[in-house]
mmCIF file of all heavy atoms, coordinates in Angstrom:
data_MODEL
# 
_entry.id   MODEL 
# 
loop_
_atom_site.group_PDB 
_atom_site.id 
_atom_site.type_symbol 
_atom_site.label_atom_id 
_atom_site.label_alt_id 
_atom_site.label_comp_id 
_atom_site.label_asym_id 
_atom_site.label_entity_id 
_atom_site.label_seq_id 
_atom_site.pdbx_PDB_ins_code 
_atom_site.Cartn_x 
_atom_site.Cartn_y 
_atom_site.Cartn_z 
_atom_site.occupancy 
_atom_site.B_iso_or_equiv 
_atom_site.pdbx_formal_charge 
_atom_site.auth_seq_id 
_atom_site.auth_comp_id 
_atom_site.auth_asym_id 
_atom_site.auth_atom_id 
_atom_site.pdbx_PDB_model_num 
ATOM 1   N N   . LYS A 1 1  ? 195.618 230.126 128.344 1.00 0.00 ? 1  LYS A N   1 
ATOM 2   C CA  . LYS A 1 1  ? 196.361 230.637 127.198 1.00 0.00 ? 1  LYS A CA  1 
ATOM 3   C C   . LYS A 1 1  ? 195.397 231.590 126.455 1.00 0.00 ? 1  LYS A C   1 
ATOM 4   O O   . LYS A 1 1  ? 194.267 231.268 126.118 1.00 0.00 ? 1  LYS A O   1 
ATOM 5   C CB  . LYS A 1 1  ? 196.771 229.500 126.304 1.00 0.00 ? 1  LYS A CB  1 
ATOM 6   C CG  . LYS A 1 1  ? 197.604 229.977 125.056 1.00 0.00 ? 1  LYS A CG  1 
ATOM 7   C CD  . LYS A 1 1  ? 197.828 228.833 124.067 1.00 0.00 ? 1  LYS A CD  1 
ATOM 8   C CE  . LYS A 1 1  ? 198.720 227.730 124.699 1.00 0.00 ? 1  LYS A CE  1 
ATOM 9   N NZ  . LYS A 1 1  ? 198.997 226.690 123.695 1.00 0.00 ? 1  LYS A NZ  1 
ATOM 10  N N   . VAL A 1 2  ? 195.918 232.766 126.116 1.00 0.00 ? 2  VAL A N   1 
ATOM 11  C CA  . VAL A 1 2  ? 195.180 233.723 125.364 1.00 0.00 ? 2  VAL A CA  1 
ATOM 12  C C   . VAL A 1 2  ? 195.916 234.123 124.129 1.00 0.00 ? 2  VAL A C   1 
ATOM 13  O O   . VAL A 1 2  ? 197.087 234.502 124.192 1.00 0.00 ? 2  VAL A O   1 
ATOM 14  C CB  . VAL A 1 2  ? 194.910 235.087 126.191 1.00 0.00 ? 2  VAL A CB  1 
ATOM 15  C CG1 . VAL A 1 2  ? 194.106 236.046 125.375 1.00 0.00 ? 2  VAL A CG1 1 
ATOM 16  C CG2 . VAL A 1 2  ? 194.181 234.711 127.466 1.00 0.00 ? 2  VAL A CG2 1 
ATOM 17  N N   . LEU A 1 3  ? 195.291 233.922 122.980 1.00 0.00 ? 3  LEU A N   1 
ATOM 18  C CA  . LEU A 1 3  ? 195.847 234.337 121.706 1.00 0.00 ? 3  LEU A CA  1 
ATOM 19  C C   . LEU A 1 3  ? 195.200 235.625 121.239 1.00 0.00 ? 3  LEU A C   1 
ATOM 20  O O   . LEU A 1 3  ? 193.890 235.691 121.216 1.00 0.00 ? 3  LEU A O   1 
ATOM 21  C CB  . LEU A 1 3  ? 195.679 233.261 120.612 1.00 0.00 ? 3  LEU A CB  1 
ATOM 22  C CG  . LEU A 1 3  ? 196.172 231.836 121.017 1.00 0.00 ? 3  LEU A CG  1 
ATOM 23  C CD1 . LEU A 1 3  ? 195.860 230.838 119.951 1.00 0.00 ? 3  LEU A CD1 1 
ATOM 24  C CD2 . LEU A 1 3  ? 197.670 231.874 121.283 1.00 0.00 ? 3  LEU A CD2 1 
ATOM 25  N N   . PHE A 1 4  ? 195.981 236.645 120.976 1.00 0.00 ? 4  PHE A N   1 
ATOM 26  C CA  . PHE A 1 4  ? 195.382 237.937 120.506 1.00 0.00 ? 4  PHE A CA  1 
ATOM 27  C C   . PHE A 1 4  ? 196.332 238.577 119.515 1.00 0.00 ? 4  PHE A C   1 
ATOM 28  O O   . PHE A 1 4  ? 197.502 238.215 119.354 1.00 0.00 ? 4  PHE A O   1 
ATOM 29  C CB  . PHE A 1 4  ? 195.102 238.851 121.702 1.00 0.00 ? 4  PHE A CB  1 
ATOM 30  C CG  . PHE A 1 4  ? 196.316 239.516 122.347 1.00 0.00 ? 4  PHE A CG  1 
ATOM 31  C CD1 . PHE A 1 4  ? 196.725 240.794 121.979 1.00 0.00 ? 4  PHE A CD1 1 
ATOM 32  C CD2 . PHE A 1 4  ? 197.094 238.842 123.296 1.00 0.00 ? 4  PHE A CD2 1 
ATOM 33  C CE1 . PHE A 1 4  ? 197.847 241.373 122.588 1.00 0.00 ? 4  PHE A CE1 1 
ATOM 34  C CE2 . PHE A 1 4  ? 198.176 239.378 123.896 1.00 0.00 ? 4  PHE A CE2 1 
ATOM 35  C CZ  . PHE A 1 4  ? 198.544 240.666 123.503 1.00 0.00 ? 4  PHE A CZ  1 
ATOM 36  N N   . THR A 1 5  ? 195.806 239.582 118.768 1.00 0.00 ? 5  THR A N   1 
ATOM 37  C CA  . THR A 1 5  ? 196.471 240.319 117.760 1.00 0.00 ? 5  THR A CA  1 
ATOM 38  C C   . THR A 1 5  ? 196.454 241.759 118.043 1.00 0.00 ? 5  THR A C   1 
ATOM 39  O O   . THR A 1 5  ? 195.454 242.310 118.415 1.00 0.00 ? 5  THR A O   1 
ATOM 40  C CB  . THR A 1 5  ? 195.879 240.024 116.369 1.00 0.00 ? 5  THR A CB  1 
ATOM 41  O OG1 . THR A 1 5  ? 195.939 238.617 116.108 1.00 0.00 ? 5  THR A OG1 1 
ATOM 42  C CG2 . THR A 1 5  ? 196.637 240.747 115.276 1.00 0.00 ? 5  THR A CG2 1 
ATOM 43  N N   . GLN A 1 6  ? 197.581 242.451 117.896 1.00 0.00 ? 6  GLN A N   1 
ATOM 44  C CA  . GLN A 1 6  ? 197.714 243.895 117.979 1.00 0.00 ? 6  GLN A CA  1 
ATOM 45  C C   . GLN A 1 6  ? 198.658 244.404 116.907 1.00 0.00 ? 6  GLN A C   1 
ATOM 46  O O   . GLN A 1 6  ? 199.779 243.980 116.792 1.00 0.00 ? 6  GLN A O   1 
ATOM 47  C CB  . GLN A 1 6  ? 198.175 244.328 119.361 1.00 0.00 ? 6  GLN A CB  1 
ATOM 48  C CG  . GLN A 1 6  ? 198.188 245.895 119.492 1.00 0.00 ? 6  GLN A CG  1 
ATOM 49  C CD  . GLN A 1 6  ? 199.181 246.309 120.616 1.00 0.00 ? 6  GLN A CD  1 
ATOM 50  O OE1 . GLN A 1 6  ? 200.369 245.912 120.604 1.00 0.00 ? 6  GLN A OE1 1 
ATOM 51  N NE2 . GLN A 1 6  ? 198.682 247.066 121.554 1.00 0.00 ? 6  GLN A NE2 1 
ATOM 52  N N   . ASN A 1 7  ? 198.167 245.370 116.047 1.00 0.00 ? 7  ASN A N   1 
ATOM 53  C CA  . ASN A 1 7  ? 198.935 245.932 115.038 1.00 0.00 ? 7  ASN A CA  1 
ATOM 54  C C   . ASN A 1 7  ? 199.548 244.926 114.126 1.00 0.00 ? 7  ASN A C   1 
ATOM 55  O O   . ASN A 1 7  ? 200.729 245.009 113.709 1.00 0.00 ? 7  ASN A O   1 
ATOM 56  C CB  . ASN A 1 7  ? 200.042 246.872 115.662 1.00 0.00 ? 7  ASN A CB  1 
ATOM 57  C CG  . ASN A 1 7  ? 199.457 248.001 116.405 1.00 0.00 ? 7  ASN A CG  1 
ATOM 58  O OD1 . ASN A 1 7  ? 198.377 248.544 116.061 1.00 0.00 ? 7  ASN A OD1 1 
ATOM 59  N ND2 . ASN A 1 7  ? 200.159 248.440 117.450 1.00 0.00 ? 7  ASN A ND2 1 
ATOM 60  N N   . GLY A 1 8  ? 198.803 243.867 113.746 1.00 0.00 ? 8  GLY A N   1 
ATOM 61  C CA  . GLY A 1 8  ? 199.283 242.861 112.878 1.00 0.00 ? 8  GLY A CA  1 
ATOM 62  C C   . GLY A 1 8  ? 200.306 241.829 113.500 1.00 0.00 ? 8  GLY A C   1 
ATOM 63  O O   . GLY A 1 8  ? 200.723 240.930 112.785 1.00 0.00 ? 8  GLY A O   1 
ATOM 64  N N   . ILE A 1 9  ? 200.527 241.928 114.806 1.00 0.00 ? 9  ILE A N   1 
ATOM 65  C CA  . ILE A 1 9  ? 201.405 240.986 115.482 1.00 0.00 ? 9  ILE A CA  1 
ATOM 66  C C   . ILE A 1 9  ? 200.547 240.075 116.296 1.00 0.00 ? 9  ILE A C   1 
ATOM 67  O O   . ILE A 1 9  ? 199.635 240.497 117.039 1.00 0.00 ? 9  ILE A O   1 
ATOM 68  C CB  . ILE A 1 9  ? 202.421 241.745 116.368 1.00 0.00 ? 9  ILE A CB  1 
ATOM 69  C CG1 . ILE A 1 9  ? 203.249 242.752 115.484 1.00 0.00 ? 9  ILE A CG1 1 
ATOM 70  C CG2 . ILE A 1 9  ? 203.321 240.776 117.107 1.00 0.00 ? 9  ILE A CG2 1 
ATOM 71  C CD1 . ILE A 1 9  ? 204.175 243.553 116.385 1.00 0.00 ? 9  ILE A CD1 1 
ATOM 72  N N   . ASP A 1 10 ? 200.831 238.766 116.231 1.00 0.00 ? 10 ASP A N   1 
ATOM 73  C CA  . ASP A 1 10 ? 200.119 237.768 117.019 1.00 0.00 ? 10 ASP A CA  1 
ATOM 74  C C   . ASP A 1 10 ? 200.857 237.454 118.275 1.00 0.00 ? 10 ASP A C   1 
ATOM 75  O O   . ASP A 1 10 ? 202.112 237.281 118.247 1.00 0.00 ? 10 ASP A O   1 
ATOM 76  C CB  . ASP A 1 10 ? 199.976 236.443 116.201 1.00 0.00 ? 10 ASP A CB  1 
ATOM 77  C CG  . ASP A 1 10 ? 199.108 236.643 114.953 1.00 0.00 ? 10 ASP A CG  1 
ATOM 78  O OD1 . ASP A 1 10 ? 198.113 237.429 115.009 1.00 0.00 ? 10 ASP A OD1 1 
ATOM 79  O OD2 . ASP A 1 10 ? 199.412 236.051 113.915 1.00 0.00 ? 10 ASP A OD2 1 
ATOM 80  N N   . TYR A 1 11 ? 200.115 237.436 119.392 1.00 0.00 ? 11 TYR A N   1 
ATOM 81  C CA  . TYR A 1 11 ? 200.743 237.181 120.739 1.00 0.00 ? 11 TYR A CA  1 
ATOM 82  C C   . TYR A 1 11 ? 200.095 235.951 121.313 1.00 0.00 ? 11 TYR A C   1 
ATOM 83  O O   . TYR A 1 11 ? 198.887 235.656 121.063 1.00 0.00 ? 11 TYR A O   1 
ATOM 84  C CB  . TYR A 1 11 ? 200.514 238.378 121.655 1.00 0.00 ? 11 TYR A CB  1 
ATOM 85  C CG  . TYR A 1 11 ? 201.228 239.658 121.204 1.00 0.00 ? 11 TYR A CG  1 
ATOM 86  C CD1 . TYR A 1 11 ? 200.689 240.573 120.357 1.00 0.00 ? 11 TYR A CD1 1 
ATOM 87  C CD2 . TYR A 1 11 ? 202.496 239.914 121.643 1.00 0.00 ? 11 TYR A CD2 1 
ATOM 88  C CE1 . TYR A 1 11 ? 201.364 241.752 119.985 1.00 0.00 ? 11 TYR A CE1 1 
ATOM 89  C CE2 . TYR A 1 11 ? 203.191 241.074 121.349 1.00 0.00 ? 11 TYR A CE2 1 
ATOM 90  C CZ  . TYR A 1 11 ? 202.583 241.991 120.467 1.00 0.00 ? 11 TYR A CZ  1 
ATOM 91  O OH  . TYR A 1 11 ? 203.218 243.064 120.083 1.00 0.00 ? 11 TYR A OH  1 
ATOM 92  N N   . GLU A 1 12 ? 200.880 235.281 122.153 1.00 0.00 ? 12 GLU A N   1 
ATOM 93  C CA  . GLU A 1 12 ? 200.356 234.190 122.941 1.00 0.00 ? 12 GLU A CA  1 
ATOM 94  C C   . GLU A 1 12 ? 200.719 234.418 124.441 1.00 0.00 ? 12 GLU A C   1 
ATOM 95  O O   . GLU A 1 12 ? 201.852 234.456 124.790 1.00 0.00 ? 12 GLU A O   1 
ATOM 96  C CB  . GLU A 1 12 ? 201.002 232.797 122.529 1.00 0.00 ? 12 GLU A CB  1 
ATOM 97  C CG  . GLU A 1 12 ? 200.498 231.658 123.332 1.00 0.00 ? 12 GLU A CG  1 
ATOM 98  C CD  . GLU A 1 12 ? 201.167 230.360 122.877 1.00 0.00 ? 12 GLU A CD  1 
ATOM 99  O OE1 . GLU A 1 12 ? 201.016 230.023 121.696 1.00 0.00 ? 12 GLU A OE1 1 
ATOM 100 O OE2 . GLU A 1 12 ? 201.805 229.699 123.738 1.00 0.00 ? 12 GLU A OE2 1 
ATOM 101 N N   . VAL A 1 13 ? 199.727 234.652 125.232 1.00 0.00 ? 13 VAL A N   1 
ATOM 102 C CA  . VAL A 1 13 ? 199.894 234.875 126.676 1.00 0.00 ? 13 VAL A CA  1 
ATOM 103 C C   . VAL A 1 13 ? 199.602 233.595 127.456 1.00 0.00 ? 13 VAL A C   1 
ATOM 104 O O   . VAL A 1 13 ? 198.590 233.033 127.281 1.00 0.00 ? 13 VAL A O   1 
ATOM 105 C CB  . VAL A 1 13 ? 198.926 236.025 127.169 1.00 0.00 ? 13 VAL A CB  1 
ATOM 106 C CG1 . VAL A 1 13 ? 199.227 236.273 128.666 1.00 0.00 ? 13 VAL A CG1 1 
ATOM 107 C CG2 . VAL A 1 13 ? 199.121 237.230 126.360 1.00 0.00 ? 13 VAL A CG2 1 
ATOM 108 N N   . ASN A 1 14 ? 200.498 233.256 128.323 1.00 0.00 ? 14 ASN A N   1 
ATOM 109 C CA  . ASN A 1 14 ? 200.290 232.116 129.205 1.00 0.00 ? 14 ASN A CA  1 
ATOM 110 C C   . ASN A 1 14 ? 200.290 232.688 130.670 1.00 0.00 ? 14 ASN A C   1 
ATOM 111 O O   . ASN A 1 14 ? 201.139 233.498 131.108 1.00 0.00 ? 14 ASN A O   1 
ATOM 112 C CB  . ASN A 1 14 ? 201.389 231.116 129.122 1.00 0.00 ? 14 ASN A CB  1 
ATOM 113 C CG  . ASN A 1 14 ? 201.170 230.211 127.877 1.00 0.00 ? 14 ASN A CG  1 
ATOM 114 O OD1 . ASN A 1 14 ? 200.359 229.384 127.827 1.00 0.00 ? 14 ASN A OD1 1 
ATOM 115 N ND2 . ASN A 1 14 ? 201.998 230.488 126.806 1.00 0.00 ? 14 ASN A ND2 1 
ATOM 116 N N   . SER A 1 15 ? 199.209 232.280 131.418 1.00 0.00 ? 15 SER A N   1 
ATOM 117 C CA  . SER A 1 15 ? 198.955 232.808 132.686 1.00 0.00 ? 15 SER A CA  1 
ATOM 118 C C   . SER A 1 15 ? 198.292 231.836 133.626 1.00 0.00 ? 15 SER A C   1 
ATOM 119 O O   . SER A 1 15 ? 197.689 230.887 133.171 1.00 0.00 ? 15 SER A O   1 
ATOM 120 C CB  . SER A 1 15 ? 198.042 234.088 132.544 1.00 0.00 ? 15 SER A CB  1 
ATOM 121 O OG  . SER A 1 15 ? 197.726 234.572 133.781 1.00 0.00 ? 15 SER A OG  1 
ATOM 122 N N   . LYS A 1 16 ? 198.425 232.049 134.960 1.00 0.00 ? 16 LYS A N   1 
ATOM 123 C CA  . LYS A 1 16 ? 197.730 231.252 135.882 1.00 0.00 ? 16 LYS A CA  1 
ATOM 124 C C   . LYS A 1 16 ? 196.317 231.619 136.033 1.00 0.00 ? 16 LYS A C   1 
ATOM 125 O O   . LYS A 1 16 ? 195.449 230.786 136.292 1.00 0.00 ? 16 LYS A O   1 
ATOM 126 C CB  . LYS A 1 16 ? 198.451 231.351 137.229 1.00 0.00 ? 16 LYS A CB  1 
ATOM 127 C CG  . LYS A 1 16 ? 199.827 230.656 137.289 1.00 0.00 ? 16 LYS A CG  1 
ATOM 128 C CD  . LYS A 1 16 ? 199.733 229.164 137.289 1.00 0.00 ? 16 LYS A CD  1 
ATOM 129 C CE  . LYS A 1 16 ? 201.054 228.499 137.543 1.00 0.00 ? 16 LYS A CE  1 
ATOM 130 N NZ  . LYS A 1 16 ? 200.992 227.019 137.402 1.00 0.00 ? 16 LYS A NZ  1 
ATOM 131 N N   . ILE A 1 17 ? 196.024 232.906 135.907 1.00 0.00 ? 17 ILE A N   1 
ATOM 132 C CA  . ILE A 1 17 ? 194.684 233.463 136.216 1.00 0.00 ? 17 ILE A CA  1 
ATOM 133 C C   . ILE A 1 17 ? 194.263 234.446 135.091 1.00 0.00 ? 17 ILE A C   1 
ATOM 134 O O   . ILE A 1 17 ? 195.091 235.244 134.633 1.00 0.00 ? 17 ILE A O   1 
ATOM 135 C CB  . ILE A 1 17 ? 194.613 234.169 137.506 1.00 0.00 ? 17 ILE A CB  1 
ATOM 136 C CG1 . ILE A 1 17 ? 195.057 233.186 138.657 1.00 0.00 ? 17 ILE A CG1 1 
ATOM 137 C CG2 . ILE A 1 17 ? 193.226 234.703 137.756 1.00 0.00 ? 17 ILE A CG2 1 
ATOM 138 C CD1 . ILE A 1 17 ? 195.136 233.952 140.019 1.00 0.00 ? 17 ILE A CD1 1 
ATOM 139 N N   . ILE A 1 18 ? 193.011 234.343 134.646 1.00 0.00 ? 18 ILE A N   1 
ATOM 140 C CA  . ILE A 1 18 ? 192.438 235.321 133.751 1.00 0.00 ? 18 ILE A CA  1 
ATOM 141 C C   . ILE A 1 18 ? 191.281 235.960 134.429 1.00 0.00 ? 18 ILE A C   1 
ATOM 142 O O   . ILE A 1 18 ? 190.467 235.332 135.061 1.00 0.00 ? 18 ILE A O   1 
ATOM 143 C CB  . ILE A 1 18 ? 191.933 234.702 132.395 1.00 0.00 ? 18 ILE A CB  1 
ATOM 144 C CG1 . ILE A 1 18 ? 191.544 235.774 131.433 1.00 0.00 ? 18 ILE A CG1 1 
ATOM 145 C CG2 . ILE A 1 18 ? 190.943 233.627 132.602 1.00 0.00 ? 18 ILE A CG2 1 
ATOM 146 C CD1 . ILE A 1 18 ? 191.321 235.293 130.024 1.00 0.00 ? 18 ILE A CD1 1 
ATOM 147 N N   . ILE A 1 19 ? 191.208 237.323 134.377 1.00 0.00 ? 19 ILE A N   1 
ATOM 148 C CA  . ILE A 1 19 ? 190.074 238.065 134.874 1.00 0.00 ? 19 ILE A CA  1 
ATOM 149 C C   . ILE A 1 19 ? 189.242 238.589 133.761 1.00 0.00 ? 19 ILE A C   1 
ATOM 150 O O   . ILE A 1 19 ? 189.776 239.387 132.919 1.00 0.00 ? 19 ILE A O   1 
ATOM 151 C CB  . ILE A 1 19 ? 190.527 239.247 135.726 1.00 0.00 ? 19 ILE A CB  1 
ATOM 152 C CG1 . ILE A 1 19 ? 191.314 238.715 136.990 1.00 0.00 ? 19 ILE A CG1 1 
ATOM 153 C CG2 . ILE A 1 19 ? 189.381 240.076 136.233 1.00 0.00 ? 19 ILE A CG2 1 
ATOM 154 C CD1 . ILE A 1 19 ? 191.913 239.805 137.876 1.00 0.00 ? 19 ILE A CD1 1 
ATOM 155 N N   . GLY A 1 20 ? 188.014 238.151 133.634 1.00 0.00 ? 20 GLY A N   1 
ATOM 156 C CA  . GLY A 1 20 ? 187.111 238.634 132.548 1.00 0.00 ? 20 GLY A CA  1 
ATOM 157 C C   . GLY A 1 20 ? 186.449 239.898 132.946 1.00 0.00 ? 20 GLY A C   1 
ATOM 158 O O   . GLY A 1 20 ? 185.514 239.886 133.785 1.00 0.00 ? 20 GLY A O   1 
ATOM 159 N N   . ALA A 1 21 ? 186.888 240.994 132.310 1.00 0.00 ? 21 ALA A N   1 
ATOM 160 C CA  . ALA A 1 21 ? 186.294 242.314 132.606 1.00 0.00 ? 21 ALA A CA  1 
ATOM 161 C C   . ALA A 1 21 ? 185.873 242.902 131.315 1.00 0.00 ? 21 ALA A C   1 
ATOM 162 O O   . ALA A 1 21 ? 185.913 244.096 131.057 1.00 0.00 ? 21 ALA A O   1 
ATOM 163 C CB  . ALA A 1 21 ? 187.374 243.213 133.257 1.00 0.00 ? 21 ALA A CB  1 
ATOM 164 N N   . ASP A 1 22 ? 185.349 242.054 130.419 1.00 0.00 ? 22 ASP A N   1 
ATOM 165 C CA  . ASP A 1 22 ? 185.042 242.368 129.045 1.00 0.00 ? 22 ASP A CA  1 
ATOM 166 C C   . ASP A 1 22 ? 183.573 242.542 128.734 1.00 0.00 ? 22 ASP A C   1 
ATOM 167 O O   . ASP A 1 22 ? 183.102 242.291 127.606 1.00 0.00 ? 22 ASP A O   1 
ATOM 168 C CB  . ASP A 1 22 ? 185.695 241.392 128.038 1.00 0.00 ? 22 ASP A CB  1 
ATOM 169 C CG  . ASP A 1 22 ? 185.477 239.937 128.418 1.00 0.00 ? 22 ASP A CG  1 
ATOM 170 O OD1 . ASP A 1 22 ? 185.207 239.637 129.564 1.00 0.00 ? 22 ASP A OD1 1 
ATOM 171 O OD2 . ASP A 1 22 ? 185.671 239.082 127.532 1.00 0.00 ? 22 ASP A OD2 1 
ATOM 172 N N   . GLY A 1 23 ? 182.812 242.947 129.729 1.00 0.00 ? 23 GLY A N   1 
ATOM 173 C CA  . GLY A 1 23 ? 181.414 243.403 129.467 1.00 0.00 ? 23 GLY A CA  1 
ATOM 174 C C   . GLY A 1 23 ? 180.415 242.275 129.355 1.00 0.00 ? 23 GLY A C   1 
ATOM 175 O O   . GLY A 1 23 ? 180.724 241.160 129.551 1.00 0.00 ? 23 GLY A O   1 
ATOM 176 N N   . ASP A 1 24 ? 179.167 242.703 128.967 1.00 0.00 ? 24 ASP A N   1 
ATOM 177 C CA  . ASP A 1 24 ? 178.039 241.768 128.985 1.00 0.00 ? 24 ASP A CA  1 
ATOM 178 C C   . ASP A 1 24 ? 178.158 240.710 127.855 1.00 0.00 ? 24 ASP A C   1 
ATOM 179 O O   . ASP A 1 24 ? 177.501 239.695 127.992 1.00 0.00 ? 24 ASP A O   1 
ATOM 180 C CB  . ASP A 1 24 ? 176.747 242.528 128.814 1.00 0.00 ? 24 ASP A CB  1 
ATOM 181 C CG  . ASP A 1 24 ? 176.640 243.197 127.470 1.00 0.00 ? 24 ASP A CG  1 
ATOM 182 O OD1 . ASP A 1 24 ? 177.487 243.910 127.115 1.00 0.00 ? 24 ASP A OD1 1 
ATOM 183 O OD2 . ASP A 1 24 ? 175.579 242.942 126.824 1.00 0.00 ? 24 ASP A OD2 1 
# 
């Protein structure tokens, strides 16, 4: 589960797999 915010809106993503490509 990933909780994130964009333009003041809160989102909840549910997924089987997460790929971490977010740097060091």
